[in-house]
C-alpha atoms as a PDB file:
ATOM      1  CA  ALA A   1       0.000   0.000   0.000  1.00  0.00           C
ATOM      2  CA  MET A   2       1.213   3.462  -0.855  1.00  0.00           C
ATOM      3  CA  GLY A   3       0.430   6.624   1.016  1.00  0.00           C
ATOM      4  CA  LEU A   4       1.667   9.393   3.237  1.00  0.00           C
ATOM      5  CA  THR A   5       2.811   8.038   6.606  1.00  0.00           C
ATOM      6  CA  GLU A   6       3.620  11.315   8.363  1.00  0.00           C
ATOM      7  CA  LEU A   7       2.894  15.002   7.989  1.00  0.00           C
ATOM      8  CA  ARG A   8       5.602  17.103   6.421  1.00  0.00           C
ATOM      9  CA  LYS A   9       6.077  20.717   7.380  1.00  0.00           C
ATOM     10  CA  TYR A  10       4.013  22.760   4.959  1.00  0.00           C
ATOM     11  CA  GLU A  11       5.973  25.961   4.360  1.00  0.00           C
ATOM     12  CA  GLY A  12       5.344  28.784   1.901  1.00  0.00           C
ATOM     13  CA  LEU A  13       1.653  27.921   1.568  1.00  0.00           C
ATOM     14  CA  SER A  14       0.203  30.592   3.807  1.00  0.00           C
ATOM     15  CA  ALA A  15      -2.663  31.269   1.368  1.00  0.00           C
ATOM     16  CA  LEU A  16      -3.800  27.637   1.308  1.00  0.00           C
ATOM     17  CA  ARG A  17      -7.480  27.353   2.261  1.00  0.00           C
ATOM     18  CA  GLU A  18      -8.094  23.608   2.069  1.00  0.00           C
ATOM     19  CA  LEU A  19      -5.815  20.662   2.847  1.00  0.00           C
ATOM     20  CA  SER A  20      -6.964  17.187   1.855  1.00  0.00           C
ATOM     21  CA  LEU A  21      -4.931  14.256   3.168  1.00  0.00           C
ATOM     22  CA  GLU A  22      -7.616  11.596   3.258  1.00  0.00           C
ATOM     23  CA  ALA A  23      -6.969   7.944   2.398  1.00  0.00           C
ATOM     24  CA  ASN A  24      -3.347   7.888   3.487  1.00  0.00           C
ATOM     25  CA  LEU A  25      -1.423   5.992   6.160  1.00  0.00           C
ATOM     26  CA  LEU A  26      -1.145   8.696   8.808  1.00  0.00           C
ATOM     27  CA  THR A  27      -1.120   7.272  12.347  1.00  0.00           C
ATOM     28  CA  SER A  28      -0.736  10.402  14.472  1.00  0.00           C
ATOM     29  CA  LEU A  29      -0.902  14.185  14.463  1.00  0.00           C
ATOM     30  CA  PRO A  30       2.198  15.378  16.339  1.00  0.00           C
ATOM     31  CA  ASP A  31       2.774  18.813  17.833  1.00  0.00           C
ATOM     32  CA  ASP A  32       5.759  19.555  15.614  1.00  0.00           C
ATOM     33  CA  GLY A  33       4.128  22.556  13.924  1.00  0.00           C
ATOM     34  CA  ALA A  34       3.703  20.790  10.581  1.00  0.00           C
ATOM     35  CA  LEU A  35       0.475  22.686   9.919  1.00  0.00           C
ATOM     36  CA  SER A  36       1.184  25.836  11.915  1.00  0.00           C
ATOM     37  CA  GLU A  37       2.268  27.998   8.967  1.00  0.00           C
ATOM     38  CA  LEU A  38      -1.006  27.367   7.136  1.00  0.00           C
ATOM     39  CA  SER A  39      -2.548  30.351   8.882  1.00  0.00           C
ATOM     40  CA  ASP A  40      -5.328  30.905   6.313  1.00  0.00           C
ATOM     41  CA  LEU A  41      -6.476  27.275   6.294  1.00  0.00           C
ATOM     42  CA  ARG A  42     -10.261  26.806   6.504  1.00  0.00           C
ATOM     43  CA  LYS A  43     -10.751  23.056   5.999  1.00  0.00           C
ATOM     44  CA  VAL A  44      -8.622  20.027   6.916  1.00  0.00           C
ATOM     45  CA  SER A  45      -9.639  16.583   5.645  1.00  0.00           C
ATOM     46  CA  LEU A  46      -7.892  13.674   7.373  1.00  0.00           C
ATOM     47  CA  SER A  47     -10.521  10.968   6.970  1.00  0.00           C
ATOM     48  CA  HIS A  48      -9.711   7.351   6.096  1.00  0.00           C
ATOM     49  CA  ASN A  49      -6.291   7.263   7.731  1.00  0.00           C
ATOM     50  CA  MET A  50      -5.084   5.258  10.716  1.00  0.00           C
ATOM     51  CA  ILE A  51      -4.792   8.147  13.152  1.00  0.00           C
ATOM     52  CA  SER A  52      -4.899   6.924  16.742  1.00  0.00           C
ATOM     53  CA  SER A  53      -3.186   9.855  18.486  1.00  0.00           C
ATOM     54  CA  ILE A  54      -3.532  13.637  18.389  1.00  0.00           C
ATOM     55  CA  SER A  55      -0.943  15.563  20.389  1.00  0.00           C
ATOM     56  CA  LYS A  56      -1.705  18.699  22.315  1.00  0.00           C
ATOM     57  CA  GLY A  57      -1.047  21.601  19.966  1.00  0.00           C
ATOM     58  CA  ALA A  58      -1.340  19.619  16.728  1.00  0.00           C
ATOM     59  CA  PHE A  59      -3.743  22.297  15.461  1.00  0.00           C
ATOM     60  CA  SER A  60      -2.064  25.293  17.107  1.00  0.00           C
ATOM     61  CA  ASN A  61      -2.139  28.570  15.155  1.00  0.00           C
ATOM     62  CA  LEU A  62      -4.976  27.320  12.912  1.00  0.00           C
ATOM     63  CA  VAL A  63      -7.389  29.950  14.163  1.00  0.00           C
ATOM     64  CA  ASN A  64      -9.222  30.248  10.820  1.00  0.00           C
ATOM     65  CA  VAL A  65     -10.037  26.558  10.440  1.00  0.00           C
ATOM     66  CA  GLU A  66     -13.793  25.994  10.340  1.00  0.00           C
ATOM     67  CA  GLU A  67     -13.965  22.311   9.429  1.00  0.00           C
ATOM     68  CA  VAL A  68     -11.922  19.261  10.435  1.00  0.00           C
ATOM     69  CA  ASP A  69     -12.782  15.784   9.166  1.00  0.00           C
ATOM     70  CA  LEU A  70     -11.227  12.984  11.215  1.00  0.00           C
ATOM     71  CA  SER A  71     -13.811  10.345  10.329  1.00  0.00           C
ATOM     72  CA  TYR A  72     -12.758   6.747   9.651  1.00  0.00           C
ATOM     73  CA  ASN A  73      -9.656   6.732  11.801  1.00  0.00           C
ATOM     74  CA  GLN A  74      -8.616   4.796  14.881  1.00  0.00           C
ATOM     75  CA  LEU A  75      -9.180   7.412  17.547  1.00  0.00           C
ATOM     76  CA  SER A  76     -10.487   6.233  20.893  1.00  0.00           C
ATOM     77  CA  SER A  77     -11.019   7.493  24.411  1.00  0.00           C
ATOM     78  CA  ASP A  78      -8.277   5.101  25.540  1.00  0.00           C
ATOM     79  CA  LYS A  79      -5.218   6.810  26.993  1.00  0.00           C
ATOM     80  CA  ILE A  80      -3.136   3.605  27.125  1.00  0.00           C
ATOM     81  CA  ASN A  81       0.267   3.934  25.437  1.00  0.00           C
ATOM     82  CA  ASP A  82      -0.266   7.675  24.940  1.00  0.00           C
ATOM     83  CA  GLN A  83      -2.914   7.122  22.268  1.00  0.00           C
ATOM     84  CA  GLY A  84      -6.249   8.824  21.754  1.00  0.00           C
ATOM     85  CA  LEU A  85      -7.301  12.406  22.307  1.00  0.00           C
ATOM     86  CA  LYS A  86      -5.339  14.378  24.853  1.00  0.00           C
ATOM     87  CA  GLU A  87      -5.925  17.480  26.866  1.00  0.00           C
ATOM     88  CA  GLY A  88      -5.528  20.219  24.287  1.00  0.00           C
ATOM     89  CA  SER A  89      -5.740  18.005  21.195  1.00  0.00           C
ATOM     90  CA  PHE A  90      -8.032  20.577  19.567  1.00  0.00           C
ATOM     91  CA  SER A  91      -6.616  23.731  21.145  1.00  0.00           C
ATOM     92  CA  GLY A  92      -6.131  26.510  18.612  1.00  0.00           C
ATOM     93  CA  LEU A  93      -9.287  25.693  16.647  1.00  0.00           C
ATOM     94  CA  GLU A  94     -11.034  28.818  17.870  1.00  0.00           C
ATOM     95  CA  ASN A  95     -13.442  29.196  14.947  1.00  0.00           C
ATOM     96  CA  ILE A  96     -14.295  25.588  14.217  1.00  0.00           C
ATOM     97  CA  VAL A  97     -17.850  25.003  13.007  1.00  0.00           C
ATOM     98  CA  LYS A  98     -17.752  21.316  12.063  1.00  0.00           C
ATOM     99  CA  LEU A  99     -15.688  18.503  13.585  1.00  0.00           C
ATOM    100  CA  ASP A 100     -16.359  15.016  12.192  1.00  0.00           C
ATOM    101  CA  LEU A 101     -15.200  12.188  14.464  1.00  0.00           C
ATOM    102  CA  SER A 102     -17.570   9.558  13.087  1.00  0.00           C
ATOM    103  CA  PHE A 103     -16.451   5.963  12.547  1.00  0.00           C
ATOM    104  CA  ASN A 104     -13.743   5.950  15.196  1.00  0.00           C
ATOM    105  CA  PHE A 105     -13.597   3.921  18.408  1.00  0.00           C
ATOM    106  CA  PHE A 106     -14.904   6.286  21.069  1.00  0.00           C
ATOM    107  CA  GLU A 107     -16.749   5.008  24.090  1.00  0.00           C
ATOM    108  CA  ASN A 108     -16.648   8.165  26.177  1.00  0.00           C
ATOM    109  CA  PHE A 109     -14.309  11.011  26.898  1.00  0.00           C
ATOM    110  CA  VAL A 110     -14.352  14.353  28.663  1.00  0.00           C
ATOM    111  CA  TRP A 111     -15.025  16.635  25.739  1.00  0.00           C
ATOM    112  CA  GLU A 112     -14.090  19.959  27.320  1.00  0.00           C
ATOM    113  CA  THR A 113     -10.459  19.128  28.086  1.00  0.00           C
ATOM    114  CA  THR A 114      -9.619  18.441  24.446  1.00  0.00           C
ATOM    115  CA  TRP A 115      -9.983  22.174  23.698  1.00  0.00           C
ATOM    116  CA  THR A 116      -7.852  23.732  26.420  1.00  0.00           C
END
């Protein structure tokens, strides 16, 4: 199988409005600032990957993002082995309107802490 296995740092694309990375082999969203320079981004599509972990600050500086699609991944409320959503996983998404987490493995989680 071919596909992107990790996010690269996206530089020089400050006017980019939409980033589509669906149907790849991504397993995590680190806090390495890979997306942080995409300051005008409005929509991020990450569906149909294998994402099981989102670090705090993965979406930092993306204040204009209105839509994030994380459907069909492997996210869960399980914190074992540092997987799942963390406190602050969605911090920085101040203007988000739509967040799709369908078709993941959630049972329950404390929603509020993922934003701070």
